[in-house]
């Protein structure tokens, strides 16, 4: 779900913090690597979910 990270960087400016967080923490970037059904399964296994106010944020709230 979502665009690949390189495409998203052209659409908004998050600076380099995104890359830094992915390299220095246990965060997992699932953008452009999962289907909606796979994400639903991933939500069931998460302890925390970080997102902008977008469709996926609203999809995870019931979990």
C-alpha atoms as a PDB file:
ATOM      1  CA  UNK A   1       0.000   0.000   0.000  1.00  0.00           C
ATOM      2  CA  UNK A   2       1.179   3.491  -0.655  1.00  0.00           C
ATOM      3  CA  UNK A   3       3.779   4.770  -3.025  1.00  0.00           C
ATOM      4  CA  UNK A   4       7.399   3.765  -2.900  1.00  0.00           C
ATOM      5  CA  UNK A   5       9.456   5.929  -0.508  1.00  0.00           C
ATOM      6  CA  UNK A   6      11.305   7.665  -3.378  1.00  0.00           C
ATOM      7  CA  UNK A   7       7.999   8.723  -4.944  1.00  0.00           C
ATOM      8  CA  UNK A   8       6.606   9.902  -1.622  1.00  0.00           C
ATOM      9  CA  UNK A   9       9.671  12.102  -1.083  1.00  0.00           C
ATOM     10  CA  UNK A  10       8.759  14.018  -4.229  1.00  0.00           C
ATOM     11  CA  UNK A  11       5.249  14.633  -2.877  1.00  0.00           C
ATOM     12  CA  UNK A  12       6.118  15.909   0.587  1.00  0.00           C
ATOM     13  CA  UNK A  13       9.232  17.038   2.422  1.00  0.00           C
ATOM     14  CA  UNK A  14      10.027  14.993   5.499  1.00  0.00           C
ATOM     15  CA  UNK A  15      13.720  15.840   5.341  1.00  0.00           C
ATOM     16  CA  UNK A  16      16.200  13.095   6.147  1.00  0.00           C
ATOM     17  CA  UNK A  17      14.574  12.077   9.427  1.00  0.00           C
ATOM     18  CA  UNK A  18      12.663   9.273   7.710  1.00  0.00           C
ATOM     19  CA  UNK A  19      15.819   7.587   6.436  1.00  0.00           C
ATOM     20  CA  UNK A  20      17.576   8.143   9.759  1.00  0.00           C
ATOM     21  CA  UNK A  21      14.759   6.521  11.741  1.00  0.00           C
ATOM     22  CA  UNK A  22      14.645   3.511   9.428  1.00  0.00           C
ATOM     23  CA  UNK A  23      18.411   3.022   9.712  1.00  0.00           C
ATOM     24  CA  UNK A  24      18.736   3.507  13.467  1.00  0.00           C
ATOM     25  CA  UNK A  25      15.578   1.936  14.911  1.00  0.00           C
ATOM     26  CA  UNK A  26      13.561  -1.256  14.647  1.00  0.00           C
ATOM     27  CA  UNK A  27      10.907   0.506  12.547  1.00  0.00           C
ATOM     28  CA  UNK A  28       9.777  -1.437   9.492  1.00  0.00           C
ATOM     29  CA  UNK A  29       8.820   0.434   6.318  1.00  0.00           C
ATOM     30  CA  UNK A  30       6.004  -1.443   4.576  1.00  0.00           C
ATOM     31  CA  UNK A  31       5.283   1.190   1.920  1.00  0.00           C
ATOM     32  CA  UNK A  32       4.965  -0.254  -1.576  1.00  0.00           C
ATOM     33  CA  UNK A  33       5.583  -3.768  -0.201  1.00  0.00           C
ATOM     34  CA  UNK A  34       2.216  -4.972   1.069  1.00  0.00           C
ATOM     35  CA  UNK A  35      -1.364  -5.478   0.000  1.00  0.00           C
ATOM     36  CA  UNK A  36      -4.334  -4.283   2.028  1.00  0.00           C
ATOM     37  CA  UNK A  37      -4.932  -7.820   3.346  1.00  0.00           C
ATOM     38  CA  UNK A  38      -1.275  -8.177   4.345  1.00  0.00           C
ATOM     39  CA  UNK A  39      -1.447  -4.871   6.186  1.00  0.00           C
ATOM     40  CA  UNK A  40      -4.540  -5.989   8.076  1.00  0.00           C
ATOM     41  CA  UNK A  41      -2.580  -9.038   9.240  1.00  0.00           C
ATOM     42  CA  UNK A  42       0.395  -6.873  10.194  1.00  0.00           C
ATOM     43  CA  UNK A  43      -1.874  -4.598  12.250  1.00  0.00           C
ATOM     44  CA  UNK A  44      -2.934  -7.597  14.331  1.00  0.00           C
ATOM     45  CA  UNK A  45       0.717  -8.185  15.287  1.00  0.00           C
ATOM     46  CA  UNK A  46       1.726  -4.606  16.066  1.00  0.00           C
ATOM     47  CA  UNK A  47       2.212  -2.945  19.415  1.00  0.00           C
ATOM     48  CA  UNK A  48       2.201   0.545  17.882  1.00  0.00           C
ATOM     49  CA  UNK A  49       1.294   2.135  14.565  1.00  0.00           C
ATOM     50  CA  UNK A  50       2.592   5.474  13.286  1.00  0.00           C
ATOM     51  CA  UNK A  51       0.956   7.159  10.318  1.00  0.00           C
ATOM     52  CA  UNK A  52      -0.094  10.464   8.917  1.00  0.00           C
ATOM     53  CA  UNK A  53      -3.825  11.156   8.964  1.00  0.00           C
ATOM     54  CA  UNK A  54      -4.552   8.978   5.950  1.00  0.00           C
ATOM     55  CA  UNK A  55      -6.713   6.009   5.046  1.00  0.00           C
ATOM     56  CA  UNK A  56      -4.515   3.440   6.765  1.00  0.00           C
ATOM     57  CA  UNK A  57      -4.727   5.301  10.049  1.00  0.00           C
ATOM     58  CA  UNK A  58      -8.502   5.014   9.922  1.00  0.00           C
ATOM     59  CA  UNK A  59      -8.306   1.354   8.916  1.00  0.00           C
ATOM     60  CA  UNK A  60      -6.178   0.400  11.934  1.00  0.00           C
ATOM     61  CA  UNK A  61      -8.340   2.088  14.587  1.00  0.00           C
ATOM     62  CA  UNK A  62     -10.760  -0.903  14.880  1.00  0.00           C
ATOM     63  CA  UNK A  63      -7.829  -3.190  15.712  1.00  0.00           C
END
